[in-house]
Amino acid sequence: MSLILSEEQEFLRDTVREFVQENAPVTALRALRDSQDPDGFSRELWKEMAELGWVGAALPEDLGGAGLGFAELGIVLEECGRTLAASPYLSTAVLGASALELAGTDAQKKELIPEICSGERVWALAFQEGGQFAPFECATVAESAGDGFRLSGEKLFVLDGHVADTLIVTARSAGGSSDREGIRLFLVDPKAAGVEITRTLMVDSRNAARIRFDAVEVDRSAALGQVGTGAATLDAVLDRAAICLSAEMLGSTQEVFERTLQYLKDRQQFGKPIGSFQALKHRAANLFCEVELSKSIVLDALRALDEGRPGLSLIASSCKARCSDTFVLAANEGVQMFGGIGMTDEEEVGLFLKRAKVAAHCFGDGAYHRNRFAALSGY
């Protein structure tokens, strides 16, 4: 299997690249940050991207999607990563849509997924409770209460949690706080009594929130999936998220590498471009190899999602580990090779380093996924 894009995929890439660079350049992220925009992204732009069919790229046509695949969704995310475009793509088109598609009833899918594809509603998955990524460390409880459940607990780093129209919350109906089994997913209205949302200002300007649930009552119909399936659903959703975030990180990695390479050609020292110095040539060559490896593993992982290939968790972990490490390396090298100007807020390369540090830890960093890969492999 050739790890290259088809002609149609290349056309999609070129279209998305032109659109994103014109409508969501890095300067747009800076403007949102500096103005302390309450949403943290442009709703008008998000709606336009939905109308173009990009939000529902991997979702079925009969539910309002484009019926393409994760390979195409990954292309959109990769191009968004090139400009650090601010949007609820991961929270809504990946996390929310995947949870509904994998665990929702037919009625829930028919009602809710079209709202995702049209850009009408923003979704958020609230699952993390500690400073380190540990999806099954869940102390939030779901107690039976009348015809429904009562949720109590707290979630951290909820992507787009402060602007979400609907929350998908993991809560424990059985077992201890560290047990894998006993977790269920629930649809929660963020405006319901007992829900307290605090926006978290992330260093890379990505939207996140801390959400507290104080005896929040939900109907029994708000539960996603059957009893005993919550852990498997969460695993599958987070595997998709890790691969899709890797695609976004790949775009950012390529952009910062290309900017650094151009700087090495332009910057003069001792009467010649600094890129002509052997030490910097070696560093650039090493980085080029790492970027090419990341390209291959991301495209293969996206195709594995579309094919339903066995061993997807192994593929997802190897993909996220590789891209986390490569993005941080590329961003660090970029700042160092730019020199003093790279340390200033005026130079955009520093914004990529901030995104690299946050994205590397989101859904598990390289160390987490290498350990997970080893555990899944029987070590």
Protein backbone atom coordinates (compact mmCIF):
# COMPACT_ATOMS: atom_id res chain seq x y z
CA MET A 1 0.00 0.00 0.00
CA SER A 2 1.43 3.34 -1.09
CA LEU A 3 1.43 5.96 1.63
CA ILE A 4 0.50 8.82 -0.68
CA LEU A 5 -2.65 10.86 -1.22
CA SER A 6 -5.05 10.15 -4.06
CA GLU A 7 -5.77 12.83 -6.66
CA GLU A 8 -9.07 13.66 -4.92
CA GLN A 9 -7.36 13.91 -1.55
CA GLU A 10 -4.70 16.22 -2.97
CA PHE A 11 -7.44 18.46 -4.33
CA LEU A 12 -9.12 18.51 -0.90
CA ARG A 13 -5.80 19.36 0.75
CA ASP A 14 -5.16 22.25 -1.62
CA THR A 15 -8.70 23.56 -1.15
CA VAL A 16 -8.56 23.39 2.65
CA ARG A 17 -5.07 24.93 2.72
CA GLU A 18 -6.14 27.93 0.67
CA PHE A 19 -9.29 28.40 2.76
CA VAL A 20 -7.58 28.09 6.14
CA GLN A 21 -4.61 30.29 5.28
CA GLU A 22 -6.98 33.00 4.07
CA ASN A 23 -9.59 32.77 6.81
CA ALA A 24 -7.75 31.37 9.86
CA PRO A 25 -4.06 32.34 9.69
CA VAL A 26 -1.85 32.36 12.78
CA THR A 27 -2.62 36.06 13.16
CA ALA A 28 -6.27 35.13 13.73
CA LEU A 29 -5.31 32.96 16.71
CA ARG A 30 -3.19 35.80 18.06
CA ALA A 31 -6.13 38.21 17.70
CA LEU A 32 -8.46 35.83 19.57
CA ARG A 33 -5.87 35.50 22.33
CA ASP A 34 -5.11 39.19 22.66
CA SER A 35 -8.77 40.23 22.65
CA GLN A 36 -9.61 37.50 25.20
CA ASP A 37 -12.45 36.40 22.95
CA PRO A 38 -15.13 34.72 25.11
CA ASP A 39 -15.58 31.83 22.66
CA GLY A 40 -11.96 31.38 21.64
CA PHE A 41 -12.90 30.67 18.02
CA SER A 42 -14.98 32.18 15.22
CA ARG A 43 -18.48 30.72 15.13
CA GLU A 44 -19.01 32.16 11.65
CA LEU A 45 -15.91 30.38 10.37
CA TRP A 46 -16.95 27.14 12.07
CA LYS A 47 -20.36 27.35 10.41
CA GLU A 48 -18.74 27.95 7.02
CA MET A 49 -16.46 24.93 7.45
CA ALA A 50 -19.52 22.85 8.28
CA GLU A 51 -21.31 24.06 5.16
CA LEU A 52 -18.32 22.95 3.11
CA GLY A 53 -18.82 19.44 4.50
CA TRP A 54 -15.54 19.30 6.40
CA VAL A 55 -17.00 18.92 9.90
CA GLY A 56 -18.91 15.78 8.90
CA ALA A 57 -16.22 14.45 6.56
CA ALA A 58 -16.02 11.06 8.32
CA LEU A 59 -19.74 10.77 9.13
CA PRO A 60 -22.37 8.90 7.06
CA GLU A 61 -24.31 10.77 4.40
CA ASP A 62 -27.68 9.61 5.76
CA LEU A 63 -26.84 11.47 9.00
CA GLY A 64 -25.81 14.68 7.28
CA GLY A 65 -22.13 13.86 6.82
CA ALA A 66 -20.01 13.82 3.69
CA GLY A 67 -19.50 10.05 3.77
CA LEU A 68 -15.77 10.32 3.07
CA GLY A 69 -13.53 8.98 5.81
CA PHE A 70 -10.95 9.69 8.47
CA ALA A 71 -8.26 10.03 5.81
CA GLU A 72 -10.12 13.10 4.53
CA LEU A 73 -10.89 14.37 8.03
CA GLY A 74 -7.19 14.04 8.80
CA ILE A 75 -6.34 16.20 5.79
CA VAL A 76 -8.60 18.97 7.12
CA LEU A 77 -7.04 18.73 10.58
CA GLU A 78 -3.53 18.71 9.15
CA GLU A 79 -4.15 21.93 7.26
CA CYS A 80 -5.76 23.50 10.33
CA GLY A 81 -2.63 22.55 12.25
CA ARG A 82 -0.48 24.52 9.82
CA THR A 83 -2.08 27.79 10.96
CA LEU A 84 -2.97 26.74 14.54
CA ALA A 85 -6.57 27.39 13.49
CA ALA A 86 -8.91 27.81 16.45
CA SER A 87 -12.01 25.62 16.12
CA PRO A 88 -13.96 22.98 18.07
CA TYR A 89 -12.91 20.30 15.58
CA LEU A 90 -11.43 17.81 18.04
CA SER A 91 -14.13 18.23 20.67
CA THR A 92 -17.08 18.13 18.28
CA ALA A 93 -16.21 16.40 15.00
CA VAL A 94 -13.97 13.79 16.63
CA LEU A 95 -14.80 13.24 20.31
CA GLY A 96 -18.51 14.08 20.30
CA ALA A 97 -19.28 12.54 16.92
CA SER A 98 -17.32 9.36 17.70
CA ALA A 99 -19.03 8.81 21.06
CA LEU A 100 -22.44 9.20 19.45
CA GLU A 101 -21.59 7.03 16.46
CA LEU A 102 -20.11 4.24 18.58
CA ALA A 103 -22.51 4.21 21.54
CA GLY A 104 -25.61 6.18 20.63
CA THR A 105 -28.96 4.63 19.83
CA ASP A 106 -30.39 4.99 16.33
CA ALA A 107 -32.71 7.70 17.62
CA GLN A 108 -29.84 9.61 19.26
CA LYS A 109 -27.74 9.42 16.11
CA LYS A 110 -30.54 10.62 13.84
CA GLU A 111 -31.31 13.53 16.13
CA LEU A 112 -27.85 14.66 17.20
CA ILE A 113 -25.27 13.82 14.54
CA PRO A 114 -26.88 16.07 11.88
CA GLU A 115 -26.48 18.96 14.34
CA ILE A 116 -22.76 18.24 14.47
CA CYS A 117 -22.41 18.07 10.69
CA SER A 118 -24.25 21.37 10.24
CA GLY A 119 -22.12 23.17 12.83
CA GLU A 120 -25.20 24.04 14.89
CA ARG A 121 -23.92 22.68 18.19
CA VAL A 122 -20.56 22.35 19.90
CA TRP A 123 -19.86 19.19 21.90
CA ALA A 124 -17.33 18.34 24.60
CA LEU A 125 -16.18 15.09 26.18
CA ALA A 126 -15.52 15.41 29.91
CA PHE A 127 -13.43 12.45 31.06
CA GLN A 128 -10.10 13.57 32.57
CA GLU A 129 -9.89 14.16 36.31
CA GLY A 130 -6.18 14.49 37.10
CA GLY A 131 -3.18 16.38 35.84
CA GLN A 132 -1.89 13.32 34.00
CA PHE A 133 -3.76 11.54 31.23
CA ALA A 134 -5.49 8.56 32.85
CA PRO A 135 -8.91 8.04 31.20
CA PHE A 136 -10.07 5.30 33.55
CA GLU A 137 -9.18 7.14 36.76
CA CYS A 138 -12.78 8.16 37.33
CA ALA A 139 -14.10 9.25 40.73
CA THR A 140 -17.20 10.96 39.29
CA VAL A 141 -20.17 8.86 40.37
CA ALA A 142 -23.52 8.15 38.73
CA GLU A 143 -26.12 7.11 41.30
CA SER A 144 -29.54 5.83 40.39
CA ALA A 145 -32.15 8.45 41.21
CA GLY A 146 -35.77 7.86 40.34
CA ASP A 147 -36.08 7.41 36.57
CA GLY A 148 -32.52 8.56 35.92
CA PHE A 149 -29.13 9.22 37.45
CA ARG A 150 -27.46 11.79 39.69
CA LEU A 151 -23.90 12.77 38.72
CA SER A 152 -21.33 14.19 41.14
CA GLY A 153 -17.67 14.88 40.49
CA GLU A 154 -15.20 17.13 38.69
CA LYS A 155 -13.53 17.04 35.26
CA LEU A 156 -10.41 18.87 34.09
CA PHE A 157 -9.06 19.95 30.68
CA VAL A 158 -12.42 19.56 28.95
CA LEU A 159 -11.75 20.72 25.40
CA ASP A 160 -14.24 23.48 24.44
CA GLY A 161 -16.12 22.76 27.66
CA HIS A 162 -16.99 26.41 28.31
CA VAL A 163 -18.74 26.81 24.91
CA ALA A 164 -20.26 23.33 24.58
CA ASP A 165 -23.97 23.00 23.93
CA THR A 166 -23.88 19.38 25.09
CA LEU A 167 -21.46 17.51 27.35
CA ILE A 168 -20.63 13.82 27.22
CA VAL A 169 -19.53 12.90 30.74
CA THR A 170 -17.87 9.75 32.02
CA ALA A 171 -19.15 8.65 35.42
CA ARG A 172 -18.82 5.54 37.50
CA SER A 173 -21.86 3.38 38.28
CA ALA A 174 -19.79 0.53 39.75
CA GLY A 175 -16.27 -0.37 40.88
CA GLY A 176 -13.46 1.62 42.44
CA SER A 177 -12.09 4.95 41.22
CA SER A 178 -9.22 3.26 39.35
CA ASP A 179 -11.13 0.35 37.85
CA ARG A 180 -11.48 0.11 34.11
CA GLU A 181 -14.93 -1.40 34.30
CA GLY A 182 -18.00 0.31 35.77
CA ILE A 183 -17.77 3.51 33.67
CA ARG A 184 -20.70 4.85 31.65
CA LEU A 185 -21.12 7.84 29.35
CA PHE A 186 -23.92 10.37 29.85
CA LEU A 187 -25.32 13.25 27.83
CA VAL A 188 -25.50 16.32 30.07
CA ASP A 189 -26.92 19.77 29.45
CA PRO A 190 -24.24 22.28 30.56
CA LYS A 191 -27.03 24.61 31.71
CA ALA A 192 -28.53 22.00 34.04
CA ALA A 193 -28.74 22.72 37.75
CA GLY A 194 -25.56 21.71 39.56
CA VAL A 195 -23.18 22.17 36.61
CA GLU A 196 -20.42 24.71 37.26
CA ILE A 197 -18.07 25.54 34.36
CA THR A 198 -14.82 27.49 34.65
CA ARG A 199 -12.83 28.33 31.55
CA THR A 200 -9.18 27.28 31.62
CA LEU A 201 -6.76 29.62 29.84
CA MET A 202 -4.35 27.21 28.14
CA VAL A 203 -0.84 28.40 27.30
CA ASP A 204 -1.38 27.56 23.61
CA SER A 205 -4.76 29.38 23.49
CA ARG A 206 -6.67 26.13 22.95
CA ASN A 207 -10.09 26.13 24.61
CA ALA A 208 -10.53 24.05 27.75
CA ALA A 209 -12.55 24.11 30.98
CA ARG A 210 -12.86 22.73 34.49
CA ILE A 211 -16.37 21.40 35.13
CA ARG A 212 -17.90 20.49 38.46
CA PHE A 213 -21.04 18.34 38.76
CA ASP A 214 -22.96 18.68 42.01
CA ALA A 215 -25.80 16.15 42.12
CA VAL A 216 -26.72 16.83 38.48
CA GLU A 217 -29.84 14.89 37.52
CA VAL A 218 -30.13 13.31 34.07
CA ASP A 219 -32.76 11.06 32.52
CA ARG A 220 -32.11 7.38 31.99
CA SER A 221 -32.30 8.04 28.24
CA ALA A 222 -29.22 10.27 28.59
CA ALA A 223 -26.97 7.24 29.05
CA LEU A 224 -24.87 6.36 26.00
CA GLY A 225 -24.41 2.66 25.38
CA GLN A 226 -25.22 -0.36 27.47
CA VAL A 227 -24.01 -1.19 30.97
CA GLY A 228 -20.48 -2.60 30.80
CA THR A 229 -19.57 -1.02 27.45
CA GLY A 230 -18.33 2.37 28.67
CA ALA A 231 -14.63 1.45 28.86
CA ALA A 232 -14.59 -0.07 25.37
CA THR A 233 -16.39 2.96 23.95
CA LEU A 234 -13.99 5.36 25.66
CA ASP A 235 -11.01 3.39 24.36
CA ALA A 236 -12.29 3.57 20.78
CA VAL A 237 -13.15 7.27 21.03
CA LEU A 238 -9.74 8.17 22.44
CA ASP A 239 -7.94 6.06 19.82
CA ARG A 240 -9.70 8.11 17.14
CA ALA A 241 -8.88 11.31 18.99
CA ALA A 242 -5.18 10.40 19.33
CA ILE A 243 -4.90 9.71 15.60
CA CYS A 244 -6.82 12.83 14.58
CA LEU A 245 -4.80 15.04 16.93
CA SER A 246 -1.68 13.47 15.45
CA ALA A 247 -2.85 14.63 12.02
CA GLU A 248 -3.25 18.17 13.34
CA MET A 249 0.16 17.98 15.01
CA LEU A 250 1.68 16.78 11.75
CA GLY A 251 0.43 19.91 9.99
CA SER A 252 1.92 22.11 12.69
CA THR A 253 5.18 20.14 12.59
CA GLN A 254 5.53 20.54 8.83
CA GLU A 255 4.77 24.25 9.04
CA VAL A 256 7.33 24.99 11.75
CA PHE A 257 9.92 22.86 9.94
CA GLU A 258 9.34 24.68 6.64
CA ARG A 259 9.54 28.07 8.37
CA THR A 260 12.79 27.05 10.06
CA LEU A 261 14.25 25.77 6.81
CA GLN A 262 13.42 29.05 5.09
CA TYR A 263 15.02 31.01 7.92
CA LEU A 264 18.20 28.95 7.57
CA LYS A 265 18.32 30.00 3.93
CA ASP A 266 17.55 33.67 4.57
CA ARG A 267 19.55 34.47 7.71
CA GLN A 268 23.06 35.65 6.91
CA GLN A 269 26.03 35.23 9.26
CA PHE A 270 29.68 35.81 8.34
CA GLY A 271 28.55 36.65 4.83
CA LYS A 272 26.73 33.40 4.13
CA PRO A 273 23.36 31.73 4.98
CA ILE A 274 23.45 30.03 8.37
CA GLY A 275 21.94 26.97 6.69
CA SER A 276 25.30 26.40 5.02
CA PHE A 277 26.90 25.61 8.40
CA GLN A 278 27.40 21.88 8.79
CA ALA A 279 26.01 21.60 12.33
CA LEU A 280 22.71 23.23 11.32
CA LYS A 281 22.56 21.12 8.15
CA HIS A 282 22.76 17.96 10.26
CA ARG A 283 20.01 19.13 12.60
CA ALA A 284 17.75 20.06 9.69
CA ALA A 285 18.41 16.72 7.98
CA ASN A 286 17.58 14.81 11.15
CA LEU A 287 14.37 16.76 11.55
CA PHE A 288 13.43 16.11 7.92
CA CYS A 289 13.67 12.35 8.54
CA GLU A 290 11.50 12.60 11.66
CA VAL A 291 8.85 14.61 9.78
CA GLU A 292 8.75 12.08 6.93
CA LEU A 293 8.31 9.20 9.38
CA SER A 294 5.44 11.09 11.03
CA LYS A 295 3.75 11.65 7.66
CA SER A 296 3.78 7.94 6.93
CA ILE A 297 2.50 6.79 10.30
CA VAL A 298 -0.32 9.38 10.38
CA LEU A 299 -1.59 8.45 6.91
CA ASP A 300 -1.40 4.76 7.76
CA ALA A 301 -3.26 5.30 11.06
CA LEU A 302 -6.03 7.28 9.35
CA ARG A 303 -6.45 4.53 6.78
CA ALA A 304 -6.51 1.96 9.56
CA LEU A 305 -9.49 3.80 11.05
CA ASP A 306 -11.32 3.74 7.71
CA GLU A 307 -10.54 0.06 7.15
CA GLY A 308 -11.44 -1.03 10.67
CA ARG A 309 -8.06 -2.69 10.83
CA PRO A 310 -7.38 -4.97 13.85
CA GLY A 311 -4.88 -3.77 16.42
CA LEU A 312 -6.05 -0.18 16.09
CA SER A 313 -5.05 0.71 19.66
CA LEU A 314 -1.45 -0.27 18.92
CA ILE A 315 -1.49 1.86 15.79
CA ALA A 316 -3.04 4.81 17.62
CA SER A 317 -0.46 4.69 20.41
CA SER A 318 2.52 4.41 18.06
CA CYS A 319 1.12 7.29 15.98
CA LYS A 320 0.54 9.61 18.94
CA ALA A 321 3.90 8.80 20.52
CA ARG A 322 5.76 9.51 17.29
CA CYS A 323 3.91 12.76 16.50
CA SER A 324 4.13 14.10 20.06
CA ASP A 325 7.89 13.65 20.10
CA THR A 326 8.41 14.99 16.57
CA PHE A 327 6.29 18.10 17.08
CA VAL A 328 8.10 19.04 20.29
CA LEU A 329 11.47 18.40 18.61
CA ALA A 330 10.55 20.49 15.54
CA ALA A 331 9.23 23.37 17.64
CA ASN A 332 12.26 23.35 19.95
CA GLU A 333 14.63 23.26 17.00
CA GLY A 334 12.70 26.07 15.36
CA VAL A 335 12.98 28.36 18.35
CA GLN A 336 16.70 27.57 18.75
CA MET A 337 17.55 28.08 15.08
CA PHE A 338 15.63 31.34 14.92
CA GLY A 339 17.79 32.46 17.81
CA GLY A 340 16.87 35.43 20.00
CA ILE A 341 13.92 36.49 17.83
CA GLY A 342 12.46 33.02 18.27
CA MET A 343 12.06 33.70 21.99
CA THR A 344 9.84 36.73 21.41
CA ASP A 345 6.06 36.80 21.10
CA GLU A 346 6.47 38.79 17.90
CA GLU A 347 7.88 35.74 16.08
CA GLU A 348 5.20 33.10 15.42
CA VAL A 349 7.52 30.11 15.86
CA GLY A 350 7.05 30.44 19.63
CA LEU A 351 3.31 29.91 19.24
CA PHE A 352 4.03 26.53 17.65
CA LEU A 353 6.22 25.56 20.60
CA LYS A 354 3.38 26.38 23.00
CA ARG A 355 0.97 24.28 20.95
CA ALA A 356 3.49 21.44 20.80
CA LYS A 357 3.83 21.31 24.57
CA VAL A 358 0.06 21.18 25.12
CA ALA A 359 -0.79 18.86 22.21
CA ALA A 360 1.94 16.40 23.22
CA HIS A 361 0.18 15.80 26.57
CA CYS A 362 -3.37 15.91 25.22
CA PHE A 363 -4.77 12.32 25.03
CA GLY A 364 -1.47 11.02 26.40
CA ASP A 365 2.15 11.99 25.71
CA GLY A 366 4.85 9.90 24.09
CA ALA A 367 5.83 8.15 27.32
CA TYR A 368 2.21 7.22 28.07
CA HIS A 369 1.64 5.74 24.61
CA ARG A 370 4.93 3.86 24.50
CA ASN A 371 4.01 2.28 27.83
CA ARG A 372 0.52 1.51 26.53
CA PHE A 373 1.95 -0.01 23.34
CA ALA A 374 4.20 -2.25 25.43
CA ALA A 375 1.34 -3.30 27.72
CA LEU A 376 -0.95 -4.10 24.79
CA SER A 377 1.89 -6.12 23.25
CA GLY A 378 2.18 -8.26 26.37
CA TYR A 379 5.27 -6.70 27.96
